[in-house]
Structures are given as C-alpha cells and as structure tokens.
Amino acid sequence: MNMRPDPLRLRDGVARSMSVARPAAPAPMPVAAAPLHDARVLTQGGVQARIALDGQVYALRITRAGKLILTK
C-alpha cells in the first residue's frame, strides 16, 4: 500500500491541477518581413556608422571580435 501523499491533493482533500494557465506568446515575426542590412555596408567597410532616429544620433560599431555595439 502506498503511504505517500498525493501531490495533487491538498489537506482539504480536494484535487488541484498542477497546470497554470499562461497567455499565449505572440507569434514570431517572419524573417522575410524585417529588412536586412549588412553592417559592413552601413559602415562602408569601416568599423563605425552613425544612425539617426527621431532626431537622436546613435553610433553603430563593429568590435575586433566581430560583434555589434549600438550606443546613443
């Protein structure tokens, strides 16, 4: 005979579900819908480019390790 308590039952004897309702995650954006820009073209073969957005200027930099850094 199994003497261990049922993990789905509380002290009041009422069965509880272990599942929790979660909101559905938004569908990922299709890859083809987003424009693709080559960072080396944006930097014109260099390592830095300036990008303007709503009157703000950002700096895009390619590191020696080949990573991108975007700063304000």
N, C-alpha and C. Protein backbone atom coordinates (compact mmCIF):
# COMPACT_ATOMS: atom_id res chain seq x y z
N MET A 1 0.84 -1.18 0.00
CA MET A 1 0.00 0.00 0.00
C MET A 1 0.89 1.25 0.00
N ASN A 2 0.59 2.20 -0.85
CA ASN A 2 1.37 3.43 -0.98
C ASN A 2 0.93 4.42 0.09
N MET A 3 1.85 4.83 0.97
CA MET A 3 1.51 5.73 2.07
C MET A 3 1.92 7.18 1.78
N ARG A 4 2.52 7.43 0.61
CA ARG A 4 2.92 8.79 0.29
C ARG A 4 1.69 9.62 -0.08
N PRO A 5 1.67 10.91 0.33
CA PRO A 5 0.51 11.76 -0.02
C PRO A 5 0.49 12.06 -1.51
N ASP A 6 -0.69 12.21 -2.03
CA ASP A 6 -0.88 12.57 -3.43
C ASP A 6 -0.51 14.04 -3.61
N PRO A 7 0.45 14.39 -4.48
CA PRO A 7 0.87 15.79 -4.62
C PRO A 7 -0.22 16.69 -5.21
N LEU A 8 -1.25 16.09 -5.81
CA LEU A 8 -2.32 16.90 -6.39
C LEU A 8 -3.47 17.13 -5.42
N ARG A 9 -3.38 16.61 -4.21
CA ARG A 9 -4.43 16.81 -3.23
C ARG A 9 -3.92 17.68 -2.09
N LEU A 10 -4.74 18.63 -1.67
CA LEU A 10 -4.41 19.48 -0.54
C LEU A 10 -4.99 18.87 0.73
N ARG A 11 -4.73 19.50 1.85
CA ARG A 11 -5.22 18.97 3.13
C ARG A 11 -6.73 18.81 3.17
N ASP A 12 -7.45 19.65 2.43
CA ASP A 12 -8.91 19.55 2.46
C ASP A 12 -9.43 18.38 1.62
N GLY A 13 -8.49 17.67 0.95
CA GLY A 13 -8.89 16.50 0.18
C GLY A 13 -9.35 16.81 -1.23
N VAL A 14 -9.37 18.09 -1.60
CA VAL A 14 -9.83 18.48 -2.93
C VAL A 14 -8.66 18.39 -3.90
N ALA A 15 -8.89 17.75 -5.04
CA ALA A 15 -7.84 17.61 -6.05
C ALA A 15 -7.60 18.95 -6.72
N ARG A 16 -6.34 19.26 -6.96
CA ARG A 16 -5.95 20.50 -7.63
C ARG A 16 -5.12 20.15 -8.85
N SER A 17 -5.22 20.96 -9.86
CA SER A 17 -4.43 20.76 -11.06
C SER A 17 -3.10 21.47 -10.89
N MET A 18 -2.03 20.85 -11.40
CA MET A 18 -0.71 21.45 -11.32
C MET A 18 -0.46 22.41 -12.49
N SER A 19 -1.31 22.42 -13.49
CA SER A 19 -1.09 23.29 -14.64
C SER A 19 -1.55 24.71 -14.31
N VAL A 20 -0.83 25.68 -14.87
CA VAL A 20 -1.15 27.09 -14.68
C VAL A 20 -1.45 27.67 -16.05
N ALA A 21 -2.57 28.38 -16.15
CA ALA A 21 -2.94 29.00 -17.42
C ALA A 21 -1.96 30.13 -17.72
N ARG A 22 -1.41 30.14 -18.92
CA ARG A 22 -0.48 31.18 -19.34
C ARG A 22 -1.01 31.81 -20.61
N PRO A 23 -0.81 33.13 -20.75
CA PRO A 23 -1.25 33.76 -22.00
C PRO A 23 -0.42 33.24 -23.17
N ALA A 24 -1.04 33.17 -24.30
CA ALA A 24 -0.35 32.69 -25.50
C ALA A 24 0.74 33.68 -25.89
N ALA A 25 1.89 33.16 -26.26
CA ALA A 25 3.01 34.01 -26.70
C ALA A 25 2.70 34.55 -28.09
N PRO A 26 3.11 35.80 -28.36
CA PRO A 26 2.87 36.33 -29.70
C PRO A 26 3.68 35.55 -30.73
N ALA A 27 3.13 35.44 -31.90
CA ALA A 27 3.81 34.71 -32.97
C ALA A 27 5.07 35.47 -33.37
N PRO A 28 6.16 34.76 -33.62
CA PRO A 28 7.39 35.45 -34.02
C PRO A 28 7.23 36.11 -35.38
N MET A 29 7.92 37.23 -35.56
CA MET A 29 7.85 37.95 -36.82
C MET A 29 8.55 37.12 -37.91
N PRO A 30 7.91 36.93 -39.05
CA PRO A 30 8.57 36.19 -40.12
C PRO A 30 9.87 36.89 -40.53
N VAL A 31 10.89 36.12 -40.80
CA VAL A 31 12.20 36.67 -41.14
C VAL A 31 12.11 37.54 -42.38
N ALA A 32 11.34 37.16 -43.35
CA ALA A 32 11.25 37.90 -44.61
C ALA A 32 10.61 39.28 -44.42
N ALA A 33 9.84 39.48 -43.35
CA ALA A 33 9.13 40.75 -43.15
C ALA A 33 10.07 41.86 -42.67
N ALA A 34 11.17 41.52 -42.00
CA ALA A 34 12.09 42.53 -41.48
C ALA A 34 13.19 42.81 -42.51
N PRO A 35 13.50 44.08 -42.73
CA PRO A 35 14.59 44.39 -43.68
C PRO A 35 15.92 43.89 -43.14
N LEU A 36 16.80 43.49 -44.02
CA LEU A 36 18.13 43.01 -43.65
C LEU A 36 19.17 43.98 -44.19
N HIS A 37 20.04 44.47 -43.31
CA HIS A 37 21.10 45.39 -43.71
C HIS A 37 22.43 44.80 -43.29
N ASP A 38 23.40 44.81 -44.18
CA ASP A 38 24.74 44.32 -43.86
C ASP A 38 25.48 45.42 -43.10
N ALA A 39 25.98 45.10 -41.92
CA ALA A 39 26.66 46.09 -41.08
C ALA A 39 27.90 46.63 -41.78
N ARG A 40 28.58 45.82 -42.56
CA ARG A 40 29.79 46.28 -43.26
C ARG A 40 29.42 47.29 -44.36
N VAL A 41 28.24 47.15 -44.93
CA VAL A 41 27.77 48.14 -45.92
C VAL A 41 27.41 49.43 -45.19
N LEU A 42 26.74 49.32 -44.04
CA LEU A 42 26.37 50.51 -43.27
C LEU A 42 27.61 51.29 -42.83
N THR A 43 28.68 50.58 -42.49
CA THR A 43 29.92 51.25 -42.05
C THR A 43 30.84 51.56 -43.23
N GLN A 44 30.40 51.26 -44.44
CA GLN A 44 31.16 51.50 -45.68
C GLN A 44 32.56 50.89 -45.59
N GLY A 45 32.63 49.68 -45.05
CA GLY A 45 33.89 48.96 -44.95
C GLY A 45 34.71 49.31 -43.72
N GLY A 46 34.28 50.30 -42.97
CA GLY A 46 34.99 50.68 -41.74
C GLY A 46 34.43 49.94 -40.54
N VAL A 47 34.56 50.54 -39.39
CA VAL A 47 34.08 49.88 -38.17
C VAL A 47 33.01 50.68 -37.46
N GLN A 48 32.65 51.85 -38.00
CA GLN A 48 31.66 52.68 -37.30
C GLN A 48 30.73 53.37 -38.29
N ALA A 49 29.47 53.51 -37.87
CA ALA A 49 28.48 54.25 -38.65
C ALA A 49 27.60 55.02 -37.69
N ARG A 50 27.02 56.10 -38.16
CA ARG A 50 26.05 56.86 -37.35
C ARG A 50 24.68 56.61 -37.91
N ILE A 51 23.72 56.40 -37.02
CA ILE A 51 22.34 56.11 -37.41
C ILE A 51 21.44 57.12 -36.70
N ALA A 52 20.56 57.79 -37.45
CA ALA A 52 19.64 58.78 -36.87
C ALA A 52 18.25 58.17 -36.74
N LEU A 53 17.61 58.48 -35.60
CA LEU A 53 16.23 58.05 -35.35
C LEU A 53 15.53 59.13 -34.54
N ASP A 54 14.50 59.73 -35.12
CA ASP A 54 13.70 60.75 -34.43
C ASP A 54 14.56 61.85 -33.80
N GLY A 55 15.54 62.35 -34.55
CA GLY A 55 16.37 63.43 -34.06
C GLY A 55 17.51 63.00 -33.14
N GLN A 56 17.59 61.73 -32.81
CA GLN A 56 18.68 61.20 -31.98
C GLN A 56 19.70 60.51 -32.88
N VAL A 57 20.98 60.67 -32.57
CA VAL A 57 22.03 60.04 -33.36
C VAL A 57 22.66 58.93 -32.53
N TYR A 58 22.76 57.75 -33.12
CA TYR A 58 23.33 56.58 -32.47
C TYR A 58 24.60 56.18 -33.21
N ALA A 59 25.52 55.54 -32.49
CA ALA A 59 26.75 55.05 -33.11
C ALA A 59 26.69 53.53 -33.17
N LEU A 60 26.90 52.98 -34.34
CA LEU A 60 26.99 51.54 -34.54
C LEU A 60 28.46 51.21 -34.74
N ARG A 61 28.99 50.30 -33.93
CA ARG A 61 30.41 49.97 -34.01
C ARG A 61 30.59 48.46 -34.13
N ILE A 62 31.51 48.05 -34.99
CA ILE A 62 31.88 46.64 -35.13
C ILE A 62 33.16 46.45 -34.31
N THR A 63 33.12 45.54 -33.34
CA THR A 63 34.28 45.30 -32.49
C THR A 63 35.30 44.42 -33.21
N ARG A 64 36.48 44.30 -32.61
CA ARG A 64 37.52 43.42 -33.18
C ARG A 64 37.05 41.97 -33.21
N ALA A 65 36.17 41.61 -32.26
CA ALA A 65 35.66 40.24 -32.20
C ALA A 65 34.50 40.01 -33.18
N GLY A 66 34.11 41.05 -33.95
CA GLY A 66 33.06 40.90 -34.92
C GLY A 66 31.65 41.03 -34.35
N LYS A 67 31.54 41.65 -33.17
CA LYS A 67 30.23 41.89 -32.54
C LYS A 67 29.80 43.32 -32.85
N LEU A 68 28.50 43.57 -32.71
CA LEU A 68 27.96 44.92 -32.94
C LEU A 68 27.62 45.58 -31.61
N ILE A 69 27.94 46.87 -31.51
CA ILE A 69 27.56 47.66 -30.35
C ILE A 69 26.84 48.90 -30.87
N LEU A 70 25.65 49.16 -30.33
CA LEU A 70 24.88 50.35 -30.69
C LEU A 70 24.76 51.22 -29.45
N THR A 71 25.26 52.45 -29.54
CA THR A 71 25.20 53.36 -28.39
C THR A 71 24.57 54.68 -28.81
N LYS A 72 24.06 55.39 -27.83
CA LYS A 72 23.42 56.67 -28.06
C LYS A 72 24.44 57.76 -28.01
